[in-house]
Amino acid sequence: SLLSAPFQYDALQSWLQDAKSYATAVAQRYMAVERESKGDVGSAIAF
């Protein structure tokens, strides 16, 4: 969000978008593991 116009070249934006997607998905992966460990298998599948 802080990238200024002269700094917004595609490679950096693409890398940051991929990093965001990865961080989001891996966070949900860990939340799935946590929910399953507590017996909430339905929520684990949803994550």
All heavy atoms as atom14 arrays in JSON, in Angstrom:
{
  "sequence": "SLLSAPFQYDALQSWLQDAKSYATAVAQRYMAVERESKGDVGSAIAF",
  "atom14_mask": [
    [1, 1, 1, 1, 1, 1, 0, 0, 0, 0, 0, 0, 0, 0],
    [1, 1, 1, 1, 1, 1, 1, 1, 0, 0, 0, 0, 0, 0],
    [1, 1, 1, 1, 1, 1, 1, 1, 0, 0, 0, 0, 0, 0],
    [1, 1, 1, 1, 1, 1, 0, 0, 0, 0, 0, 0, 0, 0],
    [1, 1, 1, 1, 1, 0, 0, 0, 0, 0, 0, 0, 0, 0],
    [1, 1, 1, 1, 1, 1, 1, 0, 0, 0, 0, 0, 0, 0],
    [1, 1, 1, 1, 1, 1, 1, 1, 1, 1, 1, 0, 0, 0],
    [1, 1, 1, 1, 1, 1, 1, 1, 1, 0, 0, 0, 0, 0],
    [1, 1, 1, 1, 1, 1, 1, 1, 1, 1, 1, 1, 0, 0],
    [1, 1, 1, 1, 1, 1, 1, 1, 0, 0, 0, 0, 0, 0],
    [1, 1, 1, 1, 1, 0, 0, 0, 0, 0, 0, 0, 0, 0],
    [1, 1, 1, 1, 1, 1, 1, 1, 0, 0, 0, 0, 0, 0],
    [1, 1, 1, 1, 1, 1, 1, 1, 1, 0, 0, 0, 0, 0],
    [1, 1, 1, 1, 1, 1, 0, 0, 0, 0, 0, 0, 0, 0],
    [1, 1, 1, 1, 1, 1, 1, 1, 1, 1, 1, 1, 1, 1],
    [1, 1, 1, 1, 1, 1, 1, 1, 0, 0, 0, 0, 0, 0],
    [1, 1, 1, 1, 1, 1, 1, 1, 1, 0, 0, 0, 0, 0],
    [1, 1, 1, 1, 1, 1, 1, 1, 0, 0, 0, 0, 0, 0],
    [1, 1, 1, 1, 1, 0, 0, 0, 0, 0, 0, 0, 0, 0],
    [1, 1, 1, 1, 1, 1, 1, 1, 1, 0, 0, 0, 0, 0],
    [1, 1, 1, 1, 1, 1, 0, 0, 0, 0, 0, 0, 0, 0],
    [1, 1, 1, 1, 1, 1, 1, 1, 1, 1, 1, 1, 0, 0],
    [1, 1, 1, 1, 1, 0, 0, 0, 0, 0, 0, 0, 0, 0],
    [1, 1, 1, 1, 1, 1, 1, 0, 0, 0, 0, 0, 0, 0],
    [1, 1, 1, 1, 1, 0, 0, 0, 0, 0, 0, 0, 0, 0],
    [1, 1, 1, 1, 1, 1, 1, 0, 0, 0, 0, 0, 0, 0],
    [1, 1, 1, 1, 1, 0, 0, 0, 0, 0, 0, 0, 0, 0],
    [1, 1, 1, 1, 1, 1, 1, 1, 1, 0, 0, 0, 0, 0],
    [1, 1, 1, 1, 1, 1, 1, 1, 1, 1, 1, 0, 0, 0],
    [1, 1, 1, 1, 1, 1, 1, 1, 1, 1, 1, 1, 0, 0],
    [1, 1, 1, 1, 1, 1, 1, 1, 0, 0, 0, 0, 0, 0],
    [1, 1, 1, 1, 1, 0, 0, 0, 0, 0, 0, 0, 0, 0],
    [1, 1, 1, 1, 1, 1, 1, 0, 0, 0, 0, 0, 0, 0],
    [1, 1, 1, 1, 1, 1, 1, 1, 1, 0, 0, 0, 0, 0],
    [1, 1, 1, 1, 1, 1, 1, 1, 1, 1, 1, 0, 0, 0],
    [1, 1, 1, 1, 1, 1, 1, 1, 1, 0, 0, 0, 0, 0],
    [1, 1, 1, 1, 1, 1, 0, 0, 0, 0, 0, 0, 0, 0],
    [1, 1, 1, 1, 1, 1, 1, 1, 1, 0, 0, 0, 0, 0],
    [1, 1, 1, 1, 0, 0, 0, 0, 0, 0, 0, 0, 0, 0],
    [1, 1, 1, 1, 1, 1, 1, 1, 0, 0, 0, 0, 0, 0],
    [1, 1, 1, 1, 1, 1, 1, 0, 0, 0, 0, 0, 0, 0],
    [1, 1, 1, 1, 0, 0, 0, 0, 0, 0, 0, 0, 0, 0],
    [1, 1, 1, 1, 1, 1, 0, 0, 0, 0, 0, 0, 0, 0],
    [1, 1, 1, 1, 1, 0, 0, 0, 0, 0, 0, 0, 0, 0],
    [1, 1, 1, 1, 1, 1, 1, 1, 0, 0, 0, 0, 0, 0],
    [1, 1, 1, 1, 1, 0, 0, 0, 0, 0, 0, 0, 0, 0],
    [1, 1, 1, 1, 1, 1, 1, 1, 1, 1, 1, 0, 0, 0]
  ],
  "atom14_positions": [
    [[0.81, -1.22, 0.0], [0.0, 0.0, 0.0], [0.85, 1.27, 0.0], [0.38, 2.33, -0.42], [-0.93, 0.01, 1.22], [-0.18, 0.1, 2.43], [0.0, 0.0, 0.0], [0.0, 0.0, 0.0], [0.0, 0.0, 0.0], [0.0, 0.0, 0.0], [0.0, 0.0, 0.0], [0.0, 0.0, 0.0], [0.0, 0.0, 0.0], [0.0, 0.0, 0.0]],
    [[2.09, 1.17, 0.47], [2.96, 2.34, 0.57], [3.79, 2.58, -0.68], [4.49, 3.6, -0.77], [3.9, 2.19, 1.77], [3.25, 2.31, 3.15], [4.24, 1.9, 4.24], [2.77, 3.74, 3.4], [0.0, 0.0, 0.0], [0.0, 0.0, 0.0], [0.0, 0.0, 0.0], [0.0, 0.0, 0.0], [0.0, 0.0, 0.0], [0.0, 0.0, 0.0]],
    [[3.76, 1.66, -1.63], [4.54, 1.86, -2.84], [4.1, 3.12, -3.56], [2.93, 3.28, -3.89], [4.39, 0.66, -3.78], [5.06, -0.65, -3.36], [4.8, -1.72, -4.41], [6.55, -0.45, -3.17], [0.0, 0.0, 0.0], [0.0, 0.0, 0.0], [0.0, 0.0, 0.0], [0.0, 0.0, 0.0], [0.0, 0.0, 0.0], [0.0, 0.0, 0.0]],
    [[5.03, 4.02, -3.8], [4.72, 5.24, -4.54], [4.77, 4.95, -6.03], [5.34, 3.96, -6.48], [5.71, 6.34, -4.17], [7.03, 5.93, -4.44], [0.0, 0.0, 0.0], [0.0, 0.0, 0.0], [0.0, 0.0, 0.0], [0.0, 0.0, 0.0], [0.0, 0.0, 0.0], [0.0, 0.0, 0.0], [0.0, 0.0, 0.0], [0.0, 0.0, 0.0]],
    [[4.18, 5.84, -6.82], [4.04, 5.62, -8.26], [5.37, 5.29, -8.95], [5.42, 4.34, -9.75], [3.38, 6.84, -8.91], [0.0, 0.0, 0.0], [0.0, 0.0, 0.0], [0.0, 0.0, 0.0], [0.0, 0.0, 0.0], [0.0, 0.0, 0.0], [0.0, 0.0, 0.0], [0.0, 0.0, 0.0], [0.0, 0.0, 0.0], [0.0, 0.0, 0.0]],
    [[6.48, 6.0, -8.68], [7.72, 5.67, -9.4], [8.3, 4.32, -9.0], [9.19, 3.81, -9.67], [8.66, 6.81, -8.99], [7.81, 7.87, -8.43], [6.64, 7.16, -7.81], [0.0, 0.0, 0.0], [0.0, 0.0, 0.0], [0.0, 0.0, 0.0], [0.0, 0.0, 0.0], [0.0, 0.0, 0.0], [0.0, 0.0, 0.0], [0.0, 0.0, 0.0]],
    [[7.83, 3.78, -7.89], [8.4, 2.56, -7.34], [7.55, 1.34, -7.67], [7.87, 0.23, -7.28], [8.53, 2.73, -5.83], [9.46, 1.75, -5.17], [10.44, 1.08, -5.88], [9.36, 1.5, -3.81], [11.3, 0.19, -5.27], [10.21, 0.62, -3.18], [11.19, -0.04, -3.92], [0.0, 0.0, 0.0], [0.0, 0.0, 0.0], [0.0, 0.0, 0.0]],
    [[6.43, 1.54, -8.36], [5.5, 0.45, -8.58], [5.82, -0.31, -9.87], [5.05, -0.28, -10.83], [4.07, 0.97, -8.61], [3.57, 1.48, -7.27], [2.14, 1.96, -7.32], [1.59, 2.16, -8.39], [1.53, 2.17, -6.17], [0.0, 0.0, 0.0], [0.0, 0.0, 0.0], [0.0, 0.0, 0.0], [0.0, 0.0, 0.0], [0.0, 0.0, 0.0]],
    [[6.95, -0.99, -9.91], [7.2, -1.81, -11.08], [6.69, -3.21, -10.83], [6.6, -3.68, -9.7], [8.66, -1.75, -11.52], [9.69, -2.25, -10.55], [10.14, -3.56, -10.63], [10.27, -1.41, -9.6], [11.14, -4.03, -9.79], [11.26, -1.87, -8.75], [11.69, -3.18, -8.85], [12.67, -3.63, -8.01], [0.0, 0.0, 0.0], [0.0, 0.0, 0.0]],
    [[6.35, -3.88, -11.91], [5.53, -5.09, -11.83], [6.16, -6.21, -11.0], [5.46, -6.9, -10.27], [5.23, -5.6, -13.24], [4.33, -4.66, -14.03], [3.67, -3.83, -13.38], [4.3, -4.76, -15.27], [0.0, 0.0, 0.0], [0.0, 0.0, 0.0], [0.0, 0.0, 0.0], [0.0, 0.0, 0.0], [0.0, 0.0, 0.0], [0.0, 0.0, 0.0]],
    [[7.47, -6.39, -11.13], [8.1, -7.52, -10.44], [7.95, -7.41, -8.93], [7.64, -8.41, -8.26], [9.58, -7.59, -10.82], [0.0, 0.0, 0.0], [0.0, 0.0, 0.0], [0.0, 0.0, 0.0], [0.0, 0.0, 0.0], [0.0, 0.0, 0.0], [0.0, 0.0, 0.0], [0.0, 0.0, 0.0], [0.0, 0.0, 0.0], [0.0, 0.0, 0.0]],
    [[8.16, -6.23, -8.37], [8.04, -6.05, -6.92], [6.59, -6.22, -6.47], [6.31, -6.88, -5.47], [8.57, -4.68, -6.51], [8.42, -4.32, -5.02], [9.13, -5.35, -4.14], [8.97, -2.92, -4.75], [0.0, 0.0, 0.0], [0.0, 0.0, 0.0], [0.0, 0.0, 0.0], [0.0, 0.0, 0.0], [0.0, 0.0, 0.0], [0.0, 0.0, 0.0]],
    [[5.66, -5.61, -7.22], [4.25, -5.76, -6.86], [3.82, -7.22, -6.9], [3.11, -7.7, -6.01], [3.39, -4.94, -7.83], [3.4, -3.45, -7.57], [2.43, -2.73, -8.47], [2.49, -2.87, -9.69], [1.54, -1.97, -7.9], [0.0, 0.0, 0.0], [0.0, 0.0, 0.0], [0.0, 0.0, 0.0], [0.0, 0.0, 0.0], [0.0, 0.0, 0.0]],
    [[4.27, -7.93, -7.92], [3.91, -9.34, -8.06], [4.48, -10.16, -6.9], [3.8, -11.03, -6.34], [4.42, -9.87, -9.39], [4.09, -11.23, -9.54], [0.0, 0.0, 0.0], [0.0, 0.0, 0.0], [0.0, 0.0, 0.0], [0.0, 0.0, 0.0], [0.0, 0.0, 0.0], [0.0, 0.0, 0.0], [0.0, 0.0, 0.0], [0.0, 0.0, 0.0]],
    [[5.75, -9.87, -6.52], [6.36, -10.6, -5.41], [5.59, -10.35, -4.12], [5.32, -11.28, -3.34], [7.82, -10.18, -5.25], [8.61, -11.08, -4.33], [9.39, -12.13, -4.7], [8.68, -11.0, -2.9], [9.95, -12.72, -3.58], [9.53, -12.06, -2.46], [8.11, -10.16, -1.95], [9.82, -12.27, -1.12], [8.4, -10.38, -0.6], [9.23, -11.43, -0.19]],
    [[5.24, -9.11, -3.87], [4.5, -8.78, -2.65], [3.11, -9.42, -2.64], [2.64, -9.89, -1.59], [4.37, -7.26, -2.5], [5.62, -6.54, -1.97], [5.47, -5.03, -2.12], [5.87, -6.9, -0.51], [0.0, 0.0, 0.0], [0.0, 0.0, 0.0], [0.0, 0.0, 0.0], [0.0, 0.0, 0.0], [0.0, 0.0, 0.0], [0.0, 0.0, 0.0]],
    [[2.46, -9.46, -3.78], [1.15, -10.12, -3.86], [1.28, -11.61, -3.55], [0.48, -12.18, -2.82], [0.54, -9.92, -5.25], [0.06, -8.5, -5.54], [-1.22, -8.13, -4.78], [-1.73, -8.91, -3.97], [-1.71, -6.93, -5.01], [0.0, 0.0, 0.0], [0.0, 0.0, 0.0], [0.0, 0.0, 0.0], [0.0, 0.0, 0.0], [0.0, 0.0, 0.0]],
    [[2.32, -12.23, -4.11], [2.56, -13.65, -3.83], [2.88, -13.87, -2.35], [2.43, -14.85, -1.74], [3.71, -14.17, -4.69], [3.3, -14.41, -6.14], [2.09, -14.47, -6.39], [4.19, -14.5, -6.99], [0.0, 0.0, 0.0], [0.0, 0.0, 0.0], [0.0, 0.0, 0.0], [0.0, 0.0, 0.0], [0.0, 0.0, 0.0], [0.0, 0.0, 0.0]],
    [[3.69, -12.97, -1.78], [4.04, -13.1, -0.36], [2.8, -12.95, 0.52], [2.65, -13.67, 1.52], [5.09, -12.05, 0.01], [0.0, 0.0, 0.0], [0.0, 0.0, 0.0], [0.0, 0.0, 0.0], [0.0, 0.0, 0.0], [0.0, 0.0, 0.0], [0.0, 0.0, 0.0], [0.0, 0.0, 0.0], [0.0, 0.0, 0.0], [0.0, 0.0, 0.0]],
    [[1.92, -12.03, 0.15], [0.66, -11.86, 0.89], [-0.19, -13.12, 0.82], [-0.74, -13.59, 1.84], [-0.14, -10.69, 0.32], [0.28, -9.31, 0.77], [-0.64, -8.24, 0.18], [-2.09, -8.49, 0.53], [-2.98, -7.48, -0.08], [0.0, 0.0, 0.0], [0.0, 0.0, 0.0], [0.0, 0.0, 0.0], [0.0, 0.0, 0.0], [0.0, 0.0, 0.0]],
    [[-0.32, -13.68, -0.39], [-1.12, -14.89, -0.56], [-0.54, -16.04, 0.26], [-1.28, -16.8, 0.91], [-1.18, -15.28, -2.04], [-1.85, -14.28, -2.79], [0.0, 0.0, 0.0], [0.0, 0.0, 0.0], [0.0, 0.0, 0.0], [0.0, 0.0, 0.0], [0.0, 0.0, 0.0], [0.0, 0.0, 0.0], [0.0, 0.0, 0.0], [0.0, 0.0, 0.0]],
    [[0.77, -16.17, 0.21], [1.43, -17.25, 0.95], [1.21, -17.08, 2.45], [0.86, -18.04, 3.16], [2.91, -17.29, 0.63], [3.64, -18.41, 1.34], [3.69, -19.68, 0.79], [4.24, -18.2, 2.58], [4.33, -20.73, 1.45], [4.89, -19.24, 3.24], [4.93, -20.49, 2.67], [5.55, -21.52, 3.33], [0.0, 0.0, 0.0], [0.0, 0.0, 0.0]],
    [[1.44, -15.85, 2.96], [1.28, -15.6, 4.4], [-0.15, -15.84, 4.84], [-0.41, -16.4, 5.92], [1.72, -14.18, 4.73], [0.0, 0.0, 0.0], [0.0, 0.0, 0.0], [0.0, 0.0, 0.0], [0.0, 0.0, 0.0], [0.0, 0.0, 0.0], [0.0, 0.0, 0.0], [0.0, 0.0, 0.0], [0.0, 0.0, 0.0], [0.0, 0.0, 0.0]],
    [[-1.12, -15.44, 4.02], [-2.54, -15.67, 4.35], [-2.85, -17.15, 4.41], [-3.47, -17.64, 5.36], [-3.44, -14.99, 3.29], [-3.15, -13.6, 3.23], [-4.9, -15.17, 3.65], [0.0, 0.0, 0.0], [0.0, 0.0, 0.0], [0.0, 0.0, 0.0], [0.0, 0.0, 0.0], [0.0, 0.0, 0.0], [0.0, 0.0, 0.0], [0.0, 0.0, 0.0]],
    [[-2.4, -17.87, 3.4], [-2.7, -19.3, 3.33], [-2.02, -20.08, 4.45], [-2.62, -20.97, 5.05], [-2.28, -19.86, 1.97], [0.0, 0.0, 0.0], [0.0, 0.0, 0.0], [0.0, 0.0, 0.0], [0.0, 0.0, 0.0], [0.0, 0.0, 0.0], [0.0, 0.0, 0.0], [0.0, 0.0, 0.0], [0.0, 0.0, 0.0], [0.0, 0.0, 0.0]],
    [[-0.77, -19.74, 4.75], [-0.06, -20.49, 5.78], [-0.64, -20.17, 7.16], [-0.65, -21.03, 8.06], [1.46, -20.22, 5.71], [1.84, -18.92, 6.4], [2.25, -21.39, 6.29], [0.0, 0.0, 0.0], [0.0, 0.0, 0.0], [0.0, 0.0, 0.0], [0.0, 0.0, 0.0], [0.0, 0.0, 0.0], [0.0, 0.0, 0.0], [0.0, 0.0, 0.0]],
    [[-1.15, -18.95, 7.35], [-1.82, -18.62, 8.61], [-3.06, -19.5, 8.79], [-3.31, -20.03, 9.88], [-2.21, -17.14, 8.63], [0.0, 0.0, 0.0], [0.0, 0.0, 0.0], [0.0, 0.0, 0.0], [0.0, 0.0, 0.0], [0.0, 0.0, 0.0], [0.0, 0.0, 0.0], [0.0, 0.0, 0.0], [0.0, 0.0, 0.0], [0.0, 0.0, 0.0]],
    [[-3.82, -19.67, 7.71], [-5.02, -20.51, 7.77], [-4.66, -21.98, 7.91], [-5.4, -22.75, 8.53], [-5.88, -20.26, 6.52], [-6.44, -18.86, 6.5], [-7.22, -18.53, 5.25], [-8.39, -18.18, 5.3], [-6.57, -18.61, 4.1], [0.0, 0.0, 0.0], [0.0, 0.0, 0.0], [0.0, 0.0, 0.0], [0.0, 0.0, 0.0], [0.0, 0.0, 0.0]],
    [[-3.54, -22.36, 7.37], [-3.06, -23.73, 7.54], [-2.81, -24.02, 9.02], [-3.23, -25.05, 9.55], [-1.78, -23.92, 6.72], [-1.13, -25.29, 6.82], [0.01, -25.28, 7.81], [0.78, -26.52, 7.78], [1.46, -26.99, 8.81], [1.46, -26.36, 9.97], [2.15, -28.11, 8.7], [0.0, 0.0, 0.0], [0.0, 0.0, 0.0], [0.0, 0.0, 0.0]],
    [[-2.14, -23.07, 9.71], [-1.88, -23.26, 11.13], [-3.18, -23.2, 11.95], [-3.33, -23.93, 12.93], [-0.91, -22.19, 11.63], [0.53, -22.46, 11.27], [1.22, -21.61, 10.39], [1.2, -23.56, 11.79], [2.55, -21.86, 10.06], [2.52, -23.82, 11.45], [3.18, -22.97, 10.59], [4.5, -23.23, 10.25], [0.0, 0.0, 0.0], [0.0, 0.0, 0.0]],
    [[-4.12, -22.35, 11.54], [-5.39, -22.3, 12.25], [-6.16, -23.59, 12.08], [-6.87, -24.05, 13.0], [-6.2, -21.1, 11.78], [-5.7, -19.77, 12.34], [-6.74, -18.34, 11.94], [-6.03, -17.85, 10.38], [0.0, 0.0, 0.0], [0.0, 0.0, 0.0], [0.0, 0.0, 0.0], [0.0, 0.0, 0.0], [0.0, 0.0, 0.0], [0.0, 0.0, 0.0]],
    [[-6.04, -24.21, 10.9], [-6.68, -25.51, 10.68], [-6.1, -26.57, 11.61], [-6.83, -27.35, 12.23], [-6.51, -25.92, 9.22], [0.0, 0.0, 0.0], [0.0, 0.0, 0.0], [0.0, 0.0, 0.0], [0.0, 0.0, 0.0], [0.0, 0.0, 0.0], [0.0, 0.0, 0.0], [0.0, 0.0, 0.0], [0.0, 0.0, 0.0], [0.0, 0.0, 0.0]],
    [[-4.78, -26.58, 11.73], [-4.12, -27.56, 12.62], [-4.56, -27.33, 14.07], [-4.83, -28.29, 14.81], [-2.59, -27.42, 12.48], [-1.88, -28.27, 13.54], [-2.13, -27.84, 11.09], [0.0, 0.0, 0.0], [0.0, 0.0, 0.0], [0.0, 0.0, 0.0], [0.0, 0.0, 0.0], [0.0, 0.0, 0.0], [0.0, 0.0, 0.0], [0.0, 0.0, 0.0]],
    [[-4.64, -26.06, 14.46], [-5.05, -25.75, 15.84], [-6.48, -26.21, 16.1], [-6.78, -26.82, 17.15], [-4.93, -24.26, 16.09], [-5.33, -23.85, 17.51], [-5.41, -22.34, 17.68], [-5.31, -21.61, 16.67], [-5.59, -21.9, 18.84], [0.0, 0.0, 0.0], [0.0, 0.0, 0.0], [0.0, 0.0, 0.0], [0.0, 0.0, 0.0], [0.0, 0.0, 0.0]],
    [[-7.4, -25.93, 15.17], [-8.8, -26.32, 15.36], [-8.95, -27.84, 15.41], [-9.73, -28.37, 16.22], [-9.66, -25.74, 14.23], [-9.76, -24.23, 14.24], [-10.37, -23.7, 15.52], [-10.42, -22.25, 15.54], [-11.42, -21.52, 15.08], [-12.49, -22.12, 14.58], [-11.37, -20.21, 15.14], [0.0, 0.0, 0.0], [0.0, 0.0, 0.0], [0.0, 0.0, 0.0]],
    [[-8.23, -28.54, 14.56], [-8.32, -30.0, 14.56], [-7.83, -30.58, 15.89], [-8.41, -31.54, 16.41], [-7.52, -30.56, 13.39], [-7.72, -32.06, 13.14], [-6.84, -32.93, 14.03], [-5.79, -32.43, 14.51], [-7.22, -34.1, 14.27], [0.0, 0.0, 0.0], [0.0, 0.0, 0.0], [0.0, 0.0, 0.0], [0.0, 0.0, 0.0], [0.0, 0.0, 0.0]],
    [[-6.77, -29.96, 16.45], [-6.24, -30.45, 17.72], [-7.23, -30.27, 18.86], [-7.16, -30.98, 19.87], [-4.92, -29.71, 18.05], [-5.16, -28.35, 18.35], [0.0, 0.0, 0.0], [0.0, 0.0, 0.0], [0.0, 0.0, 0.0], [0.0, 0.0, 0.0], [0.0, 0.0, 0.0], [0.0, 0.0, 0.0], [0.0, 0.0, 0.0], [0.0, 0.0, 0.0]],
    [[-8.17, -29.34, 18.67], [-9.2, -29.09, 19.69], [-10.5, -29.83, 19.39], [-11.51, -29.61, 20.06], [-9.47, -27.59, 19.81], [-8.27, -26.79, 20.31], [-8.58, -25.31, 20.39], [-7.38, -24.53, 20.93], [-7.65, -23.05, 20.99], [0.0, 0.0, 0.0], [0.0, 0.0, 0.0], [0.0, 0.0, 0.0], [0.0, 0.0, 0.0], [0.0, 0.0, 0.0]],
    [[-10.48, -30.68, 18.36], [-11.67, -31.46, 18.03], [-12.63, -30.79, 17.08], [-13.66, -31.36, 16.74], [0.0, 0.0, 0.0], [0.0, 0.0, 0.0], [0.0, 0.0, 0.0], [0.0, 0.0, 0.0], [0.0, 0.0, 0.0], [0.0, 0.0, 0.0], [0.0, 0.0, 0.0], [0.0, 0.0, 0.0], [0.0, 0.0, 0.0], [0.0, 0.0, 0.0]],
    [[-12.32, -29.58, 16.63], [-13.21, -28.85, 15.72], [-12.79, -29.14, 14.27], [-12.21, -28.29, 13.58], [-13.13, -27.35, 16.02], [-14.19, -26.55, 15.27], [-14.94, -27.14, 14.47], [-14.25, -25.32, 15.47], [0.0, 0.0, 0.0], [0.0, 0.0, 0.0], [0.0, 0.0, 0.0], [0.0, 0.0, 0.0], [0.0, 0.0, 0.0], [0.0, 0.0, 0.0]],
    [[-13.12, -30.35, 13.83], [-12.68, -30.8, 12.51], [-13.37, -30.01, 11.4], [-12.78, -29.72, 10.36], [-12.93, -32.31, 12.35], [-12.42, -32.79, 10.99], [-12.26, -33.08, 13.46], [0.0, 0.0, 0.0], [0.0, 0.0, 0.0], [0.0, 0.0, 0.0], [0.0, 0.0, 0.0], [0.0, 0.0, 0.0], [0.0, 0.0, 0.0], [0.0, 0.0, 0.0]],
    [[-14.63, -29.66, 11.61], [-15.37, -28.91, 10.6], [-14.7, -27.58, 10.28], [-14.51, -27.22, 9.11], [0.0, 0.0, 0.0], [0.0, 0.0, 0.0], [0.0, 0.0, 0.0], [0.0, 0.0, 0.0], [0.0, 0.0, 0.0], [0.0, 0.0, 0.0], [0.0, 0.0, 0.0], [0.0, 0.0, 0.0], [0.0, 0.0, 0.0], [0.0, 0.0, 0.0]],
    [[-14.32, -26.83, 11.32], [-13.63, -25.56, 11.11], [-12.26, -25.77, 10.48], [-11.8, -24.97, 9.66], [-13.48, -24.8, 12.43], [-14.73, -24.4, 12.91], [0.0, 0.0, 0.0], [0.0, 0.0, 0.0], [0.0, 0.0, 0.0], [0.0, 0.0, 0.0], [0.0, 0.0, 0.0], [0.0, 0.0, 0.0], [0.0, 0.0, 0.0], [0.0, 0.0, 0.0]],
    [[-11.58, -26.87, 10.85], [-10.27, -27.17, 10.27], [-10.39, -27.35, 8.76], [-9.56, -26.86, 7.99], [-9.68, -28.42, 10.92], [0.0, 0.0, 0.0], [0.0, 0.0, 0.0], [0.0, 0.0, 0.0], [0.0, 0.0, 0.0], [0.0, 0.0, 0.0], [0.0, 0.0, 0.0], [0.0, 0.0, 0.0], [0.0, 0.0, 0.0], [0.0, 0.0, 0.0]],
    [[-11.44, -28.05, 8.33], [-11.66, -28.24, 6.89], [-11.93, -26.91, 6.21], [-11.4, -26.62, 5.13], [-12.83, -29.22, 6.65], [-12.47, -30.61, 7.18], [-13.19, -29.27, 5.16], [-13.64, -31.58, 7.16], [0.0, 0.0, 0.0], [0.0, 0.0, 0.0], [0.0, 0.0, 0.0], [0.0, 0.0, 0.0], [0.0, 0.0, 0.0], [0.0, 0.0, 0.0]],
    [[-12.74, -26.06, 6.86], [-13.06, -24.75, 6.29], [-11.81, -23.89, 6.12], [-11.64, -23.2, 5.11], [-14.08, -24.03, 7.17], [0.0, 0.0, 0.0], [0.0, 0.0, 0.0], [0.0, 0.0, 0.0], [0.0, 0.0, 0.0], [0.0, 0.0, 0.0], [0.0, 0.0, 0.0], [0.0, 0.0, 0.0], [0.0, 0.0, 0.0], [0.0, 0.0, 0.0]],
    [[-10.9, -23.95, 7.1], [-9.65, -23.19, 6.99], [-8.79, -23.73, 5.85], [-8.14, -22.95, 5.14], [-8.88, -23.24, 8.31], [-9.3, -22.19, 9.29], [-9.84, -22.54, 10.53], [-9.17, -20.84, 8.99], [-10.23, -21.57, 11.45], [-9.55, -19.86, 9.9], [-10.08, -20.23, 11.13], [0.0, 0.0, 0.0], [0.0, 0.0, 0.0], [0.0, 0.0, 0.0]]
  ]
}
